Structure formats: structure tokens, C-alpha cells
Protein backbone atom coordinates (compact mmCIF):
# COMPACT_ATOMS: atom_id res chain seq x y z
CA UNK A 1 -44.33 -97.88 -180.34
CA UNK A 2 -46.44 -98.39 -177.24
CA UNK A 3 -45.68 -102.13 -177.29
CA UNK A 4 -42.06 -101.11 -176.74
CA UNK A 5 -43.10 -100.28 -173.17
CA UNK A 6 -43.71 -104.00 -172.40
CA UNK A 7 -40.24 -104.78 -171.02
CA UNK A 8 -40.46 -101.73 -168.76
CA UNK A 9 -44.10 -101.54 -167.58
CA UNK A 10 -46.83 -103.97 -166.58
CA UNK A 11 -48.69 -105.66 -169.44
CA UNK A 12 -52.04 -104.39 -168.14
CA UNK A 13 -50.78 -100.79 -168.15
CA UNK A 14 -49.40 -101.18 -171.66
CA UNK A 15 -52.69 -102.73 -172.84
CA UNK A 16 -54.58 -99.85 -171.23
CA UNK A 17 -52.35 -97.36 -173.05
CA UNK A 18 -52.93 -99.16 -176.35
CA UNK A 19 -56.69 -99.22 -175.96
CA UNK A 20 -57.00 -95.69 -174.61
CA UNK A 21 -54.77 -94.23 -177.32
CA UNK A 22 -56.94 -95.73 -180.06
CA UNK A 23 -60.23 -94.38 -178.63
CA UNK A 24 -59.90 -90.79 -179.94
CA UNK A 25 -59.35 -92.04 -183.49
CA UNK A 26 -62.32 -94.41 -183.32
CA UNK A 27 -64.57 -91.60 -182.10
CA UNK A 28 -63.39 -89.34 -184.94
CA UNK A 29 -64.04 -92.09 -187.48
CA UNK A 30 -67.49 -92.75 -186.02
CA UNK A 31 -68.31 -89.05 -186.37
CA UNK A 32 -67.18 -89.07 -189.99
CA UNK A 33 -69.33 -92.14 -190.60
CA UNK A 34 -72.27 -90.26 -189.06
CA UNK A 35 -71.79 -87.51 -191.64
CA UNK A 36 -69.93 -84.80 -189.77
CA UNK A 37 -66.39 -83.61 -190.33
CA UNK A 38 -63.62 -85.66 -188.77
CA UNK A 39 -62.50 -84.21 -185.46
CA UNK A 40 -58.76 -83.96 -184.72
CA UNK A 41 -56.78 -82.43 -181.91
CA UNK A 42 -57.23 -82.56 -178.19
CA UNK A 43 -54.86 -82.78 -175.25
CA UNK A 44 -53.38 -86.17 -176.26
CA UNK A 45 -53.40 -86.51 -180.04
CA UNK A 46 -50.84 -88.36 -182.14
CA UNK A 47 -48.20 -85.66 -181.77
CA UNK A 48 -48.51 -85.59 -177.99
CA UNK A 49 -48.39 -89.40 -177.78
CA UNK A 50 -45.17 -89.38 -179.79
CA UNK A 51 -43.72 -86.77 -177.43
CA UNK A 52 -44.66 -88.88 -174.40
CA UNK A 53 -43.01 -91.93 -175.99
CA UNK A 54 -39.85 -89.94 -176.72
CA UNK A 55 -39.72 -88.64 -173.14
CA UNK A 56 -40.22 -92.17 -171.80
CA UNK A 57 -37.43 -93.53 -173.99
CA UNK A 58 -35.05 -90.72 -172.99
CA UNK A 59 -35.83 -90.82 -169.28
CA UNK A 60 -36.75 -94.45 -168.61
CA UNK A 61 -40.05 -93.37 -167.03
CA UNK A 62 -42.17 -95.86 -168.98
CA UNK A 63 -44.87 -96.55 -166.38
CA UNK A 64 -45.56 -92.85 -165.65
CA UNK A 65 -45.56 -92.14 -169.38
CA UNK A 66 -48.11 -94.92 -169.94
CA UNK A 67 -50.33 -93.47 -167.20
CA UNK A 68 -50.10 -90.01 -168.79
CA UNK A 69 -51.01 -91.57 -172.13
CA UNK A 70 -54.04 -93.39 -170.67
CA UNK A 71 -55.38 -90.34 -168.85
CA UNK A 72 -54.68 -87.94 -171.73
CA UNK A 73 -56.20 -90.27 -174.31
CA UNK A 74 -59.37 -90.78 -172.26
CA UNK A 75 -59.73 -87.02 -171.88
CA UNK A 76 -59.12 -86.54 -175.61
CA UNK A 77 -61.70 -89.21 -176.44
CA UNK A 78 -64.22 -87.43 -174.20
CA UNK A 79 -63.52 -84.07 -175.82
CA UNK A 80 -63.90 -85.54 -179.31
CA UNK A 81 -67.07 -87.40 -178.38
CA UNK A 82 -68.59 -84.17 -177.05
CA UNK A 83 -67.64 -82.38 -180.29
CA UNK A 84 -69.01 -85.15 -182.52
CA UNK A 85 -72.31 -85.25 -180.62
CA UNK A 86 -72.59 -81.45 -180.79
CA UNK A 87 -71.94 -81.47 -184.56
CA UNK A 88 -74.48 -84.25 -185.11
CA UNK A 89 -77.10 -82.43 -183.02
CA UNK A 90 -76.44 -79.17 -184.84
CA UNK A 91 -76.69 -80.86 -188.23
CA UNK A 92 -79.87 -82.74 -187.39
CA UNK A 93 -81.71 -80.15 -185.37
CA UNK A 94 -80.88 -76.59 -186.25
CA UNK A 95 -81.87 -74.86 -189.45
CA UNK A 96 -80.68 -77.26 -192.14
CA UNK A 97 -77.32 -75.70 -192.88
CA UNK A 98 -76.03 -78.87 -194.53
CA UNK A 99 -78.90 -79.33 -197.01
CA UNK A 100 -80.17 -77.21 -199.82
CA UNK A 101 -83.71 -76.79 -198.55
CA UNK A 102 -83.66 -77.57 -194.87
CA UNK A 103 -86.05 -80.44 -195.63
CA UNK A 104 -85.41 -83.61 -193.63
CA UNK A 105 -85.78 -86.59 -195.95
CA UNK A 106 -86.61 -90.22 -195.27
CA UNK A 107 -83.03 -90.96 -194.23
CA UNK A 108 -83.24 -88.37 -191.45
CA UNK A 109 -80.59 -86.20 -193.05
CA UNK A 110 -81.25 -82.59 -193.88
CA UNK A 111 -81.61 -81.82 -197.58
CA UNK A 112 -82.25 -85.38 -198.72
CA UNK A 113 -85.40 -86.77 -200.24
CA UNK A 114 -86.41 -89.79 -202.31
CA UNK A 115 -84.84 -88.41 -205.50
CA UNK A 116 -81.48 -87.53 -203.98
CA UNK A 117 -79.72 -90.02 -201.72
CA UNK A 118 -76.48 -89.40 -199.85
CA UNK A 119 -74.39 -90.56 -202.85
CA UNK A 120 -76.29 -88.86 -205.66
CA UNK A 121 -73.39 -86.82 -207.01
CA UNK A 122 -73.07 -84.43 -204.09
CA UNK A 123 -69.87 -84.54 -202.06
């Protein structure tokens, strides 16, 4: 959808919108890979990007819409990064809420030890 802006906005602005709009998702995926829940939402999530695209198509304001998408996506990425870091710090440092015993195993994860790895039947 964002590539549809190319005939109406500069290629560098469209590329910036493409890259910036993918950053929040990559941060959420990285958090999930780190073992915390996947973060969604923020000021410029998928729904808001779709709304910006619809407004641009209806009004012809492609360049301003791309700028709004870049700024909003960067802010959303920052918000999600802050949340992912906070969840990782909470999981790793405070009280062992994610593990059975609070014991930090060899992997550095709470509740794991040599007999029970991250894929040992627990989801």
C-alpha cells in the first residue's frame, strides 16, 4: 500500500515510510523471541497506518501522510522498545514470576535448570 505513494511523493520519503512502518513489528517480534509477550498497539499501529493511507488516497496529501507515517511509526517503535525492555528486565530481575521456583538456570531464564530446557513440555 505504501508503495502506492511513489507516483505522488519522493522515493526517499516513501522508502522512509516503508522502513519506519516495519520497525514496530520487528521490535515486537524481537521481544517475543526474547521470551516476553508480543507487544501490539501504539500511536501508529496497523490500523492507524491504514487510516493514514485512506486519508492520503481520498485527499491527495501523499507526502504529508508519509511524514505522519514516518513520525508515528518511529514513536510507536520507541514505545514498543521501551515496553519490551521493561518486560525483559522484569522477567529477568524481579522475583521469578515466570518460573516455578524463581531459580535462574544456566540459560539465564527464571525457572530453568539443566533438567528442564525452554522446550521441555512447558508452553
